Every structure is written in C-alpha cells, then in structure tokens.
Amino acid sequence: MDPKTIDQKKHAKYIIERIMDFGNDDEVRWMWKTYSRRLLRSVAGKSRVLRPRTRSLWRLMTIQK
C-alpha cells in the first residue's frame, strides 16, 4: 500500500495491524489517541494477520476497565 494514499479512517484496520505487530512506542501512543479501544479490541480479536503473541498481548491490553 502506498503511504501517500493511506486514509486513516478508511484503512484503519490495516494501520492498526501494522502498528500492533511492528510499531514503536510513539506509533502505539498515536494509535491509542487516534482509534477507539473498541476498534483496537475488534482488530486484535478478528485479525488474521497478527502474530499469535501479538494477538494475545493486544487482547489483554484492550480489555475494558
């Protein structure tokens, strides 16, 4: 995907998956500020491309408090 044509709303799932798997601290902070906990939890639970360890970590991190 061309970074110049990515729309953060339209391509939210793709962006979240990449950040969850490969993001650094700044990117993760941006993701938390930009997307809802509900969306992050949904992506972590339904994604077919996240690595198993990544999926487990993000499922724990997105549990409602």
C-alpha atoms as a PDB file:
ATOM      1  CA  MET A   1       0.000   0.000   0.000  1.00  0.00           C
ATOM      2  CA  ASP A   2       1.324   3.421  -0.950  1.00  0.00           C
ATOM      3  CA  PRO A   3       1.859   5.524   2.223  1.00  0.00           C
ATOM      4  CA  LYS A   4       0.823   8.655   0.325  1.00  0.00           C
ATOM      5  CA  THR A   5      -2.663   7.294  -0.364  1.00  0.00           C
ATOM      6  CA  ILE A   6      -3.484   5.822   3.056  1.00  0.00           C
ATOM      7  CA  ASP A   7      -6.583   7.275   4.695  1.00  0.00           C
ATOM      8  CA  GLN A   8      -6.503   6.767   8.481  1.00  0.00           C
ATOM      9  CA  LYS A   9     -10.266   6.138   8.678  1.00  0.00           C
ATOM     10  CA  LYS A  10     -10.716   4.088   5.517  1.00  0.00           C
ATOM     11  CA  HIS A  11      -7.618   1.951   6.142  1.00  0.00           C
ATOM     12  CA  ALA A  12      -7.866   1.828   9.951  1.00  0.00           C
ATOM     13  CA  LYS A  13      -7.692  -1.967  10.207  1.00  0.00           C
ATOM     14  CA  TYR A  14      -4.550  -2.145   8.064  1.00  0.00           C
ATOM     15  CA  ILE A  15      -2.848   0.665  10.015  1.00  0.00           C
ATOM     16  CA  ILE A  16      -3.753  -0.844  13.388  1.00  0.00           C
ATOM     17  CA  GLU A  17      -2.497  -4.302  12.396  1.00  0.00           C
ATOM     18  CA  ARG A  18       0.840  -2.902  11.247  1.00  0.00           C
ATOM     19  CA  ILE A  19       1.296  -0.847  14.406  1.00  0.00           C
ATOM     20  CA  MET A  20       0.254  -3.714  16.677  1.00  0.00           C
ATOM     21  CA  ASP A  21       2.785  -6.029  15.048  1.00  0.00           C
ATOM     22  CA  PHE A  22       5.664  -3.678  14.256  1.00  0.00           C
ATOM     23  CA  GLY A  23       5.033  -0.255  15.833  1.00  0.00           C
ATOM     24  CA  ASN A  24       7.384   1.597  18.139  1.00  0.00           C
ATOM     25  CA  ASP A  25       6.354   3.475  21.300  1.00  0.00           C
ATOM     26  CA  ASP A  26       5.457   6.707  19.501  1.00  0.00           C
ATOM     27  CA  GLU A  27       3.353   4.885  16.906  1.00  0.00           C
ATOM     28  CA  VAL A  28       1.494   2.928  19.601  1.00  0.00           C
ATOM     29  CA  ARG A  29       0.756   6.156  21.518  1.00  0.00           C
ATOM     30  CA  TRP A  30      -0.574   7.720  18.314  1.00  0.00           C
ATOM     31  CA  MET A  31      -2.755   4.655  17.688  1.00  0.00           C
ATOM     32  CA  TRP A  32      -4.267   4.840  21.216  1.00  0.00           C
ATOM     33  CA  LYS A  33      -5.080   8.537  20.700  1.00  0.00           C
ATOM     34  CA  THR A  34      -6.460   8.074  17.186  1.00  0.00           C
ATOM     35  CA  TYR A  35      -8.591   4.930  17.438  1.00  0.00           C
ATOM     36  CA  SER A  36     -11.146   3.770  19.984  1.00  0.00           C
ATOM     37  CA  ARG A  37     -10.443   0.956  22.412  1.00  0.00           C
ATOM     38  CA  ARG A  38     -13.438  -0.849  20.896  1.00  0.00           C
ATOM     39  CA  LEU A  39     -11.899  -0.759  17.401  1.00  0.00           C
ATOM     40  CA  LEU A  40      -8.485  -1.843  18.693  1.00  0.00           C
ATOM     41  CA  ARG A  41     -10.076  -4.762  20.565  1.00  0.00           C
ATOM     42  CA  SER A  42     -12.033  -5.752  17.455  1.00  0.00           C
ATOM     43  CA  VAL A  43      -8.931  -5.745  15.260  1.00  0.00           C
ATOM     44  CA  ALA A  44      -6.928  -7.707  17.836  1.00  0.00           C
ATOM     45  CA  GLY A  45      -9.694 -10.309  18.093  1.00  0.00           C
ATOM     46  CA  LYS A  46     -10.538 -10.719  14.406  1.00  0.00           C
ATOM     47  CA  SER A  47      -7.290 -10.097  12.528  1.00  0.00           C
ATOM     48  CA  ARG A  48      -5.908 -12.980  10.516  1.00  0.00           C
ATOM     49  CA  VAL A  49      -2.501 -11.398  10.004  1.00  0.00           C
ATOM     50  CA  LEU A  50      -1.388 -10.650  13.576  1.00  0.00           C
ATOM     51  CA  ARG A  51       1.176 -12.996  15.044  1.00  0.00           C
ATOM     52  CA  PRO A  52      -0.259 -15.168  17.873  1.00  0.00           C
ATOM     53  CA  ARG A  53       1.843 -13.497  20.587  1.00  0.00           C
ATOM     54  CA  THR A  54       0.871 -10.065  19.308  1.00  0.00           C
ATOM     55  CA  ARG A  55      -2.811 -11.004  19.284  1.00  0.00           C
ATOM     56  CA  SER A  56      -2.646 -12.292  22.866  1.00  0.00           C
ATOM     57  CA  LEU A  57      -0.890  -9.165  24.122  1.00  0.00           C
ATOM     58  CA  TRP A  58      -3.334  -6.777  22.456  1.00  0.00           C
ATOM     59  CA  ARG A  59      -6.368  -8.725  23.605  1.00  0.00           C
ATOM     60  CA  LEU A  60      -5.146  -8.246  27.174  1.00  0.00           C
ATOM     61  CA  MET A  61      -4.315  -4.579  26.634  1.00  0.00           C
ATOM     62  CA  THR A  62      -7.714  -3.694  25.164  1.00  0.00           C
ATOM     63  CA  ILE A  63      -9.910  -5.249  27.843  1.00  0.00           C
ATOM     64  CA  GLN A  64     -12.460  -2.723  29.139  1.00  0.00           C
ATOM     65  CA  LYS A  65     -11.666  -1.270  32.546  1.00  0.00           C
END
